[in-house]
Amino acid sequence: TDAASESIRKPVQYFAVIIKPDAALLFAGTDAPAAYANVASIGHLTDHEADITAKLAAEAEKHLGVPSDRFYVQFTEKEAHEW
């Protein structure tokens, strides 16, 4: 959560992280270690997507052993009333 918080410039208390280590994920046609992240935010995403992706990919590699080329991030900007 710290990596995302720094990138989006929002306090860490507004973040939630779910890790499902036993989830089946096929990525690029193989079942080699991979990770998928869905980052949703009320604003502050568009200008920071590359930075957020790089930081989250580095964390996934460090803590989960997932190479950065097998890490995918989906970004979703939300309106305040959608949260």
PDB file of N, CA and C in Angstrom:
ATOM      1  N   THR A   1       0.808  -1.204   0.000  1.00  0.00           N
ATOM      2  CA  THR A   1       0.000   0.000   0.000  1.00  0.00           C
ATOM      3  C   THR A   1       0.851   1.269   0.000  1.00  0.00           C
ATOM      4  N   ASP A   2       2.019   1.216   0.611  1.00  0.00           N
ATOM      5  CA  ASP A   2       2.876   2.408   0.643  1.00  0.00           C
ATOM      6  C   ASP A   2       3.293   2.848  -0.755  1.00  0.00           C
ATOM      7  N   ALA A   3       3.627   1.886  -1.617  1.00  0.00           N
ATOM      8  CA  ALA A   3       4.061   2.223  -2.982  1.00  0.00           C
ATOM      9  C   ALA A   3       2.946   2.925  -3.745  1.00  0.00           C
ATOM     10  N   ALA A   4       1.732   2.426  -3.638  1.00  0.00           N
ATOM     11  CA  ALA A   4       0.602   3.054  -4.326  1.00  0.00           C
ATOM     12  C   ALA A   4       0.284   4.411  -3.720  1.00  0.00           C
ATOM     13  N   SER A   5       0.319   4.487  -2.415  1.00  0.00           N
ATOM     14  CA  SER A   5       0.027   5.737  -1.717  1.00  0.00           C
ATOM     15  C   SER A   5       0.970   6.846  -2.157  1.00  0.00           C
ATOM     16  N   GLU A   6       2.240   6.532  -2.243  1.00  0.00           N
ATOM     17  CA  GLU A   6       3.229   7.520  -2.668  1.00  0.00           C
ATOM     18  C   GLU A   6       2.980   7.969  -4.103  1.00  0.00           C
ATOM     19  N   SER A   7       2.653   7.031  -4.984  1.00  0.00           N
ATOM     20  CA  SER A   7       2.458   7.353  -6.397  1.00  0.00           C
ATOM     21  C   SER A   7       1.230   8.209  -6.640  1.00  0.00           C
ATOM     22  N   ILE A   8       0.129   7.880  -5.972  1.00  0.00           N
ATOM     23  CA  ILE A   8      -1.124   8.598  -6.186  1.00  0.00           C
ATOM     24  C   ILE A   8      -1.212   9.842  -5.306  1.00  0.00           C
ATOM     25  N   ARG A   9      -0.357   9.895  -4.311  1.00  0.00           N
ATOM     26  CA  ARG A   9      -0.333  11.027  -3.376  1.00  0.00           C
ATOM     27  C   ARG A   9      -1.622  11.099  -2.548  1.00  0.00           C
ATOM     28  N   LYS A  10      -2.022   9.937  -2.064  1.00  0.00           N
ATOM     29  CA  LYS A  10      -3.163   9.845  -1.149  1.00  0.00           C
ATOM     30  C   LYS A  10      -2.692   9.097   0.084  1.00  0.00           C
ATOM     31  N   PRO A  11      -3.260   9.405   1.244  1.00  0.00           N
ATOM     32  CA  PRO A  11      -2.856   8.733   2.476  1.00  0.00           C
ATOM     33  C   PRO A  11      -3.091   7.227   2.412  1.00  0.00           C
ATOM     34  N   VAL A  12      -2.194   6.468   2.997  1.00  0.00           N
ATOM     35  CA  VAL A  12      -2.248   5.014   2.957  1.00  0.00           C
ATOM     36  C   VAL A  12      -3.523   4.465   3.593  1.00  0.00           C
ATOM     37  N   GLN A  13      -4.132   5.197   4.497  1.00  0.00           N
ATOM     38  CA  GLN A  13      -5.357   4.699   5.132  1.00  0.00           C
ATOM     39  C   GLN A  13      -6.531   4.607   4.163  1.00  0.00           C
ATOM     40  N   TYR A  14      -6.392   5.136   2.938  1.00  0.00           N
ATOM     41  CA  TYR A  14      -7.446   5.037   1.937  1.00  0.00           C
ATOM     42  C   TYR A  14      -7.223   3.871   0.970  1.00  0.00           C
ATOM     43  N   PHE A  15      -6.300   2.982   1.276  1.00  0.00           N
ATOM     44  CA  PHE A  15      -5.976   1.872   0.391  1.00  0.00           C
ATOM     45  C   PHE A  15      -6.353   0.538   1.001  1.00  0.00           C
ATOM     46  N   ALA A  16      -6.743  -0.369   0.140  1.00  0.00           N
ATOM     47  CA  ALA A  16      -6.997  -1.758   0.533  1.00  0.00           C
ATOM     48  C   ALA A  16      -6.267  -2.649  -0.460  1.00  0.00           C
ATOM     49  N   VAL A  17      -5.674  -3.698   0.035  1.00  0.00           N
ATOM     50  CA  VAL A  17      -4.946  -4.639  -0.809  1.00  0.00           C
ATOM     51  C   VAL A  17      -5.448  -6.041  -0.518  1.00  0.00           C
ATOM     52  N   ILE A  18      -5.752  -6.769  -1.574  1.00  0.00           N
ATOM     53  CA  ILE A  18      -6.134  -8.169  -1.460  1.00  0.00           C
ATOM     54  C   ILE A  18      -5.124  -8.982  -2.241  1.00  0.00           C
ATOM     55  N   ILE A  19      -4.529  -9.966  -1.594  1.00  0.00           N
ATOM     56  CA  ILE A  19      -3.585 -10.853  -2.263  1.00  0.00           C
ATOM     57  C   ILE A  19      -4.165 -12.262  -2.206  1.00  0.00           C
ATOM     58  N   LYS A  20      -4.306 -12.875  -3.375  1.00  0.00           N
ATOM     59  CA  LYS A  20      -4.838 -14.231  -3.469  1.00  0.00           C
ATOM     60  C   LYS A  20      -3.740 -15.124  -4.048  1.00  0.00           C
ATOM     61  N   PRO A  21      -2.872 -15.643  -3.206  1.00  0.00           N
ATOM     62  CA  PRO A  21      -1.718 -16.400  -3.701  1.00  0.00           C
ATOM     63  C   PRO A  21      -2.076 -17.699  -4.419  1.00  0.00           C
ATOM     64  N   ASP A  22      -3.230 -18.274  -4.157  1.00  0.00           N
ATOM     65  CA  ASP A  22      -3.596 -19.531  -4.797  1.00  0.00           C
ATOM     66  C   ASP A  22      -4.502 -19.349  -6.007  1.00  0.00           C
ATOM     67  N   ALA A  23      -4.726 -18.116  -6.441  1.00  0.00           N
ATOM     68  CA  ALA A  23      -5.592 -17.872  -7.593  1.00  0.00           C
ATOM     69  C   ALA A  23      -4.921 -18.366  -8.868  1.00  0.00           C
ATOM     70  N   ALA A  24      -5.698 -19.017  -9.723  1.00  0.00           N
ATOM     71  CA  ALA A  24      -5.184 -19.482 -11.012  1.00  0.00           C
ATOM     72  C   ALA A  24      -5.131 -18.293 -11.970  1.00  0.00           C
ATOM     73  N   LEU A  25      -3.979 -18.061 -12.576  1.00  0.00           N
ATOM     74  CA  LEU A  25      -3.826 -16.946 -13.503  1.00  0.00           C
ATOM     75  C   LEU A  25      -2.976 -17.392 -14.681  1.00  0.00           C
ATOM     76  N   LEU A  26      -3.568 -17.373 -15.858  1.00  0.00           N
ATOM     77  CA  LEU A  26      -2.809 -17.618 -17.085  1.00  0.00           C
ATOM     78  C   LEU A  26      -2.491 -16.256 -17.675  1.00  0.00           C
ATOM     79  N   PHE A  27      -1.232 -16.037 -17.983  1.00  0.00           N
ATOM     80  CA  PHE A  27      -0.778 -14.741 -18.487  1.00  0.00           C
ATOM     81  C   PHE A  27       0.159 -15.022 -19.643  1.00  0.00           C
ATOM     82  N   ALA A  28      -0.096 -14.431 -20.793  1.00  0.00           N
ATOM     83  CA  ALA A  28       0.722 -14.638 -21.990  1.00  0.00           C
ATOM     84  C   ALA A  28       0.827 -16.123 -22.355  1.00  0.00           C
ATOM     85  N   GLY A  29      -0.241 -16.844 -22.092  1.00  0.00           N
ATOM     86  CA  GLY A  29      -0.308 -18.238 -22.503  1.00  0.00           C
ATOM     87  C   GLY A  29       0.361 -19.249 -21.594  1.00  0.00           C
ATOM     88  N   THR A  30       0.862 -18.823 -20.433  1.00  0.00           N
ATOM     89  CA  THR A  30       1.503 -19.771 -19.521  1.00  0.00           C
ATOM     90  C   THR A  30       0.986 -19.573 -18.099  1.00  0.00           C
ATOM     91  N   ASP A  31       1.233 -20.572 -17.266  1.00  0.00           N
ATOM     92  CA  ASP A  31       0.852 -20.459 -15.861  1.00  0.00           C
ATOM     93  C   ASP A  31       2.057 -20.153 -14.964  1.00  0.00           C
ATOM     94  N   ALA A  32       3.130 -19.626 -15.552  1.00  0.00           N
ATOM     95  CA  ALA A  32       4.288 -19.190 -14.774  1.00  0.00           C
ATOM     96  C   ALA A  32       3.827 -18.073 -13.829  1.00  0.00           C
ATOM     97  N   PRO A  33       4.570 -17.827 -12.740  1.00  0.00           N
ATOM     98  CA  PRO A  33       4.152 -16.790 -11.787  1.00  0.00           C
ATOM     99  C   PRO A  33       3.803 -15.469 -12.488  1.00  0.00           C
ATOM    100  N   ALA A  34       2.651 -14.929 -12.119  1.00  0.00           N
ATOM    101  CA  ALA A  34       2.158 -13.681 -12.698  1.00  0.00           C
ATOM    102  C   ALA A  34       1.289 -12.994 -11.653  1.00  0.00           C
ATOM    103  N   ALA A  35       1.004 -11.720 -11.878  1.00  0.00           N
ATOM    104  CA  ALA A  35       0.153 -10.973 -10.955  1.00  0.00           C
ATOM    105  C   ALA A  35      -0.685  -9.979 -11.741  1.00  0.00           C
ATOM    106  N   TYR A  36      -1.855  -9.716 -11.200  1.00  0.00           N
ATOM    107  CA  TYR A  36      -2.800  -8.757 -11.770  1.00  0.00           C
ATOM    108  C   TYR A  36      -3.233  -7.819 -10.645  1.00  0.00           C
ATOM    109  N   ALA A  37      -3.262  -6.537 -10.921  1.00  0.00           N
ATOM    110  CA  ALA A  37      -3.708  -5.554  -9.930  1.00  0.00           C
ATOM    111  C   ALA A  37      -4.786  -4.677 -10.544  1.00  0.00           C
ATOM    112  N   ASN A  38      -5.780  -4.357  -9.753  1.00  0.00           N
ATOM    113  CA  ASN A  38      -6.821  -3.422 -10.154  1.00  0.00           C
ATOM    114  C   ASN A  38      -6.697  -2.228  -9.223  1.00  0.00           C
ATOM    115  N   VAL A  39      -6.332  -1.086  -9.765  1.00  0.00           N
ATOM    116  CA  VAL A  39      -6.167   0.127  -8.974  1.00  0.00           C
ATOM    117  C   VAL A  39      -7.324   1.063  -9.306  1.00  0.00           C
ATOM    118  N   ALA A  40      -8.161   1.326  -8.315  1.00  0.00           N
ATOM    119  CA  ALA A  40      -9.291   2.234  -8.487  1.00  0.00           C
ATOM    120  C   ALA A  40      -9.094   3.418  -7.557  1.00  0.00           C
ATOM    121  N   SER A  41      -9.430   4.592  -8.054  1.00  0.00           N
ATOM    122  CA  SER A  41      -9.216   5.796  -7.251  1.00  0.00           C
ATOM    123  C   SER A  41     -10.199   6.877  -7.667  1.00  0.00           C
ATOM    124  N   ILE A  42     -10.522   7.738  -6.724  1.00  0.00           N
ATOM    125  CA  ILE A  42     -11.276   8.939  -7.047  1.00  0.00           C
ATOM    126  C   ILE A  42     -10.242   9.963  -7.495  1.00  0.00           C
ATOM    127  N   GLY A  43     -10.049  10.043  -8.792  1.00  0.00           N
ATOM    128  CA  GLY A  43      -9.062  10.958  -9.363  1.00  0.00           C
ATOM    129  C   GLY A  43      -7.626  10.530  -9.107  1.00  0.00           C
ATOM    130  N   HIS A  44      -6.691  11.325  -9.580  1.00  0.00           N
ATOM    131  CA  HIS A  44      -5.251  11.181  -9.343  1.00  0.00           C
ATOM    132  C   HIS A  44      -4.595   9.996 -10.057  1.00  0.00           C
ATOM    133  N   LEU A  45      -5.228   9.365 -11.027  1.00  0.00           N
ATOM    134  CA  LEU A  45      -4.604   8.214 -11.669  1.00  0.00           C
ATOM    135  C   LEU A  45      -3.955   8.539 -13.006  1.00  0.00           C
ATOM    136  N   THR A  46      -4.630   9.270 -13.853  1.00  0.00           N
ATOM    137  CA  THR A  46      -4.209   9.445 -15.236  1.00  0.00           C
ATOM    138  C   THR A  46      -2.744   9.851 -15.379  1.00  0.00           C
ATOM    139  N   ASP A  47      -2.309  10.816 -14.623  1.00  0.00           N
ATOM    140  CA  ASP A  47      -0.941  11.315 -14.755  1.00  0.00           C
ATOM    141  C   ASP A  47       0.099  10.449 -14.058  1.00  0.00           C
ATOM    142  N   HIS A  48      -0.337   9.411 -13.345  1.00  0.00           N
ATOM    143  CA  HIS A  48       0.590   8.637 -12.527  1.00  0.00           C
ATOM    144  C   HIS A  48       0.634   7.146 -12.862  1.00  0.00           C
ATOM    145  N   GLU A  49      -0.038   6.732 -13.935  1.00  0.00           N
ATOM    146  CA  GLU A  49      -0.141   5.305 -14.228  1.00  0.00           C
ATOM    147  C   GLU A  49       1.218   4.620 -14.405  1.00  0.00           C
ATOM    148  N   ALA A  50       2.129   5.227 -15.142  1.00  0.00           N
ATOM    149  CA  ALA A  50       3.445   4.604 -15.368  1.00  0.00           C
ATOM    150  C   ALA A  50       4.216   4.459 -14.060  1.00  0.00           C
ATOM    151  N   ASP A  51       4.187   5.482 -13.231  1.00  0.00           N
ATOM    152  CA  ASP A  51       4.887   5.445 -11.945  1.00  0.00           C
ATOM    153  C   ASP A  51       4.272   4.394 -11.020  1.00  0.00           C
ATOM    154  N   ILE A  52       2.950   4.359 -10.962  1.00  0.00           N
ATOM    155  CA  ILE A  52       2.262   3.380 -10.119  1.00  0.00           C
ATOM    156  C   ILE A  52       2.590   1.968 -10.583  1.00  0.00           C
ATOM    157  N   THR A  53       2.519   1.734 -11.890  1.00  0.00           N
ATOM    158  CA  THR A  53       2.809   0.409 -12.439  1.00  0.00           C
ATOM    159  C   THR A  53       4.226  -0.026 -12.092  1.00  0.00           C
ATOM    160  N   ALA A  54       5.182   0.862 -12.271  1.00  0.00           N
ATOM    161  CA  ALA A  54       6.585   0.524 -11.983  1.00  0.00           C
ATOM    162  C   ALA A  54       6.779   0.173 -10.511  1.00  0.00           C
ATOM    163  N   LYS A  55       6.185   0.969  -9.629  1.00  0.00           N
ATOM    164  CA  LYS A  55       6.356   0.713  -8.193  1.00  0.00           C
ATOM    165  C   LYS A  55       5.661  -0.573  -7.760  1.00  0.00           C
ATOM    166  N   LEU A  56       4.447  -0.803  -8.248  1.00  0.00           N
ATOM    167  CA  LEU A  56       3.738  -2.026  -7.883  1.00  0.00           C
ATOM    168  C   LEU A  56       4.425  -3.260  -8.461  1.00  0.00           C
ATOM    169  N   ALA A  57       4.929  -3.160  -9.683  1.00  0.00           N
ATOM    170  CA  ALA A  57       5.645  -4.284 -10.292  1.00  0.00           C
ATOM    171  C   ALA A  57       6.902  -4.617  -9.494  1.00  0.00           C
ATOM    172  N   ALA A  58       7.607  -3.607  -9.038  1.00  0.00           N
ATOM    173  CA  ALA A  58       8.804  -3.835  -8.220  1.00  0.00           C
ATOM    174  C   ALA A  58       8.437  -4.529  -6.911  1.00  0.00           C
ATOM    175  N   GLU A  59       7.330  -4.130  -6.307  1.00  0.00           N
ATOM    176  CA  GLU A  59       6.879  -4.766  -5.065  1.00  0.00           C
ATOM    177  C   GLU A  59       6.452  -6.212  -5.312  1.00  0.00           C
ATOM    178  N   ALA A  60       5.761  -6.453  -6.420  1.00  0.00           N
ATOM    179  CA  ALA A  60       5.334  -7.819  -6.754  1.00  0.00           C
ATOM    180  C   ALA A  60       6.538  -8.718  -6.982  1.00  0.00           C
ATOM    181  N   GLU A  61       7.569  -8.181  -7.608  1.00  0.00           N
ATOM    182  CA  GLU A  61       8.775  -8.977  -7.833  1.00  0.00           C
ATOM    183  C   GLU A  61       9.505  -9.240  -6.521  1.00  0.00           C
ATOM    184  N   LYS A  62       9.625  -8.227  -5.700  1.00  0.00           N
ATOM    185  CA  LYS A  62      10.350  -8.344  -4.432  1.00  0.00           C
ATOM    186  C   LYS A  62       9.656  -9.301  -3.457  1.00  0.00           C
ATOM    187  N   HIS A  63       8.345  -9.161  -3.309  1.00  0.00           N
ATOM    188  CA  HIS A  63       7.630  -9.914  -2.280  1.00  0.00           C
ATOM    189  C   HIS A  63       6.970 -11.196  -2.774  1.00  0.00           C
ATOM    190  N   LEU A  64       6.645 -11.257  -4.069  1.00  0.00           N
ATOM    191  CA  LEU A  64       5.927 -12.415  -4.596  1.00  0.00           C
ATOM    192  C   LEU A  64       6.726 -13.208  -5.627  1.00  0.00           C
ATOM    193  N   GLY A  65       7.874 -12.670  -6.042  1.00  0.00           N
ATOM    194  CA  GLY A  65       8.680 -13.366  -7.042  1.00  0.00           C
ATOM    195  C   GLY A  65       8.093 -13.318  -8.440  1.00  0.00           C
ATOM    196  N   VAL A  66       7.261 -12.319  -8.716  1.00  0.00           N
ATOM    197  CA  VAL A  66       6.641 -12.177 -10.032  1.00  0.00           C
ATOM    198  C   VAL A  66       7.469 -11.212 -10.880  1.00  0.00           C
ATOM    199  N   PRO A  67       7.997 -11.682 -12.022  1.00  0.00           N
ATOM    200  CA  PRO A  67       8.775 -10.787 -12.890  1.00  0.00           C
ATOM    201  C   PRO A  67       7.907  -9.629 -13.394  1.00  0.00           C
ATOM    202  N   SER A  68       8.505  -8.476 -13.575  1.00  0.00           N
ATOM    203  CA  SER A  68       7.740  -7.293 -13.973  1.00  0.00           C
ATOM    204  C   SER A  68       7.064  -7.447 -15.330  1.00  0.00           C
ATOM    205  N   ASP A  69       7.605  -8.309 -16.190  1.00  0.00           N
ATOM    206  CA  ASP A  69       6.963  -8.506 -17.487  1.00  0.00           C
ATOM    207  C   ASP A  69       5.776  -9.471 -17.418  1.00  0.00           C
ATOM    208  N   ARG A  70       5.478  -9.952 -16.217  1.00  0.00           N
ATOM    209  CA  ARG A  70       4.307 -10.814 -16.011  1.00  0.00           C
ATOM    210  C   ARG A  70       3.369 -10.194 -14.976  1.00  0.00           C
ATOM    211  N   PHE A  71       3.357  -8.863 -14.967  1.00  0.00           N
ATOM    212  CA  PHE A  71       2.544  -8.089 -14.040  1.00  0.00           C
ATOM    213  C   PHE A  71       1.670  -7.145 -14.850  1.00  0.00           C
ATOM    214  N   TYR A  72       0.373  -7.139 -14.601  1.00  0.00           N
ATOM    215  CA  TYR A  72      -0.562  -6.296 -15.342  1.00  0.00           C
ATOM    216  C   TYR A  72      -1.376  -5.468 -14.359  1.00  0.00           C
ATOM    217  N   VAL A  73      -1.573  -4.199 -14.694  1.00  0.00           N
ATOM    218  CA  VAL A  73      -2.359  -3.304 -13.853  1.00  0.00           C
ATOM    219  C   VAL A  73      -3.513  -2.735 -14.664  1.00  0.00           C
ATOM    220  N   GLN A  74      -4.708  -2.797 -14.097  1.00  0.00           N
ATOM    221  CA  GLN A  74      -5.887  -2.157 -14.672  1.00  0.00           C
ATOM    222  C   GLN A  74      -6.208  -0.940 -13.813  1.00  0.00           C
ATOM    223  N   PHE A  75      -6.359   0.204 -14.446  1.00  0.00           N
ATOM    224  CA  PHE A  75      -6.671   1.439 -13.731  1.00  0.00           C
ATOM    225  C   PHE A  75      -8.124   1.831 -13.963  1.00  0.00           C
ATOM    226  N   THR A  76      -8.789   2.235 -12.879  1.00  0.00           N
ATOM    227  CA  THR A  76     -10.183   2.663 -12.966  1.00  0.00           C
ATOM    228  C   THR A  76     -10.348   3.946 -12.174  1.00  0.00           C
ATOM    229  N   GLU A  77     -10.709   5.025 -12.876  1.00  0.00           N
ATOM    230  CA  GLU A  77     -10.995   6.292 -12.189  1.00  0.00           C
ATOM    231  C   GLU A  77     -12.466   6.280 -11.792  1.00  0.00           C
ATOM    232  N   LYS A  78     -12.738   6.613 -10.546  1.00  0.00           N
ATOM    233  CA  LYS A  78     -14.095   6.622 -10.019  1.00  0.00           C
ATOM    234  C   LYS A  78     -14.517   8.051  -9.671  1.00  0.00           C
ATOM    235  N   GLU A  79     -15.809   8.264  -9.691  1.00  0.00           N
ATOM    236  CA  GLU A  79     -16.378   9.513  -9.188  1.00  0.00           C
ATOM    237  C   GLU A  79     -16.661   9.294  -7.702  1.00  0.00           C
ATOM    238  N   ALA A  80     -16.699  10.355  -6.940  1.00  0.00           N
ATOM    239  CA  ALA A  80     -16.906  10.233  -5.494  1.00  0.00           C
ATOM    240  C   ALA A  80     -18.197   9.486  -5.159  1.00  0.00           C
ATOM    241  N   HIS A  81     -19.249   9.682  -5.930  1.00  0.00           N
ATOM    242  CA  HIS A  81     -20.515   9.012  -5.630  1.00  0.00           C
ATOM    243  C   HIS A  81     -20.490   7.513  -5.945  1.00  0.00           C
ATOM    244  N   GLU A  82     -19.466   7.052  -6.646  1.00  0.00           N
ATOM    245  CA  GLU A  82     -19.359   5.622  -6.990  1.00  0.00           C
ATOM    246  C   GLU A  82     -18.651   4.826  -5.898  1.00  0.00           C
ATOM    247  N   TRP A  83     -18.091   5.487  -4.926  1.00  0.00           N
ATOM    248  CA  TRP A  83     -17.292   4.788  -3.918  1.00  0.00           C
ATOM    249  C   TRP A  83     -18.085   4.372  -2.746  1.00  0.00           C
TER     250      TRP A  83
END
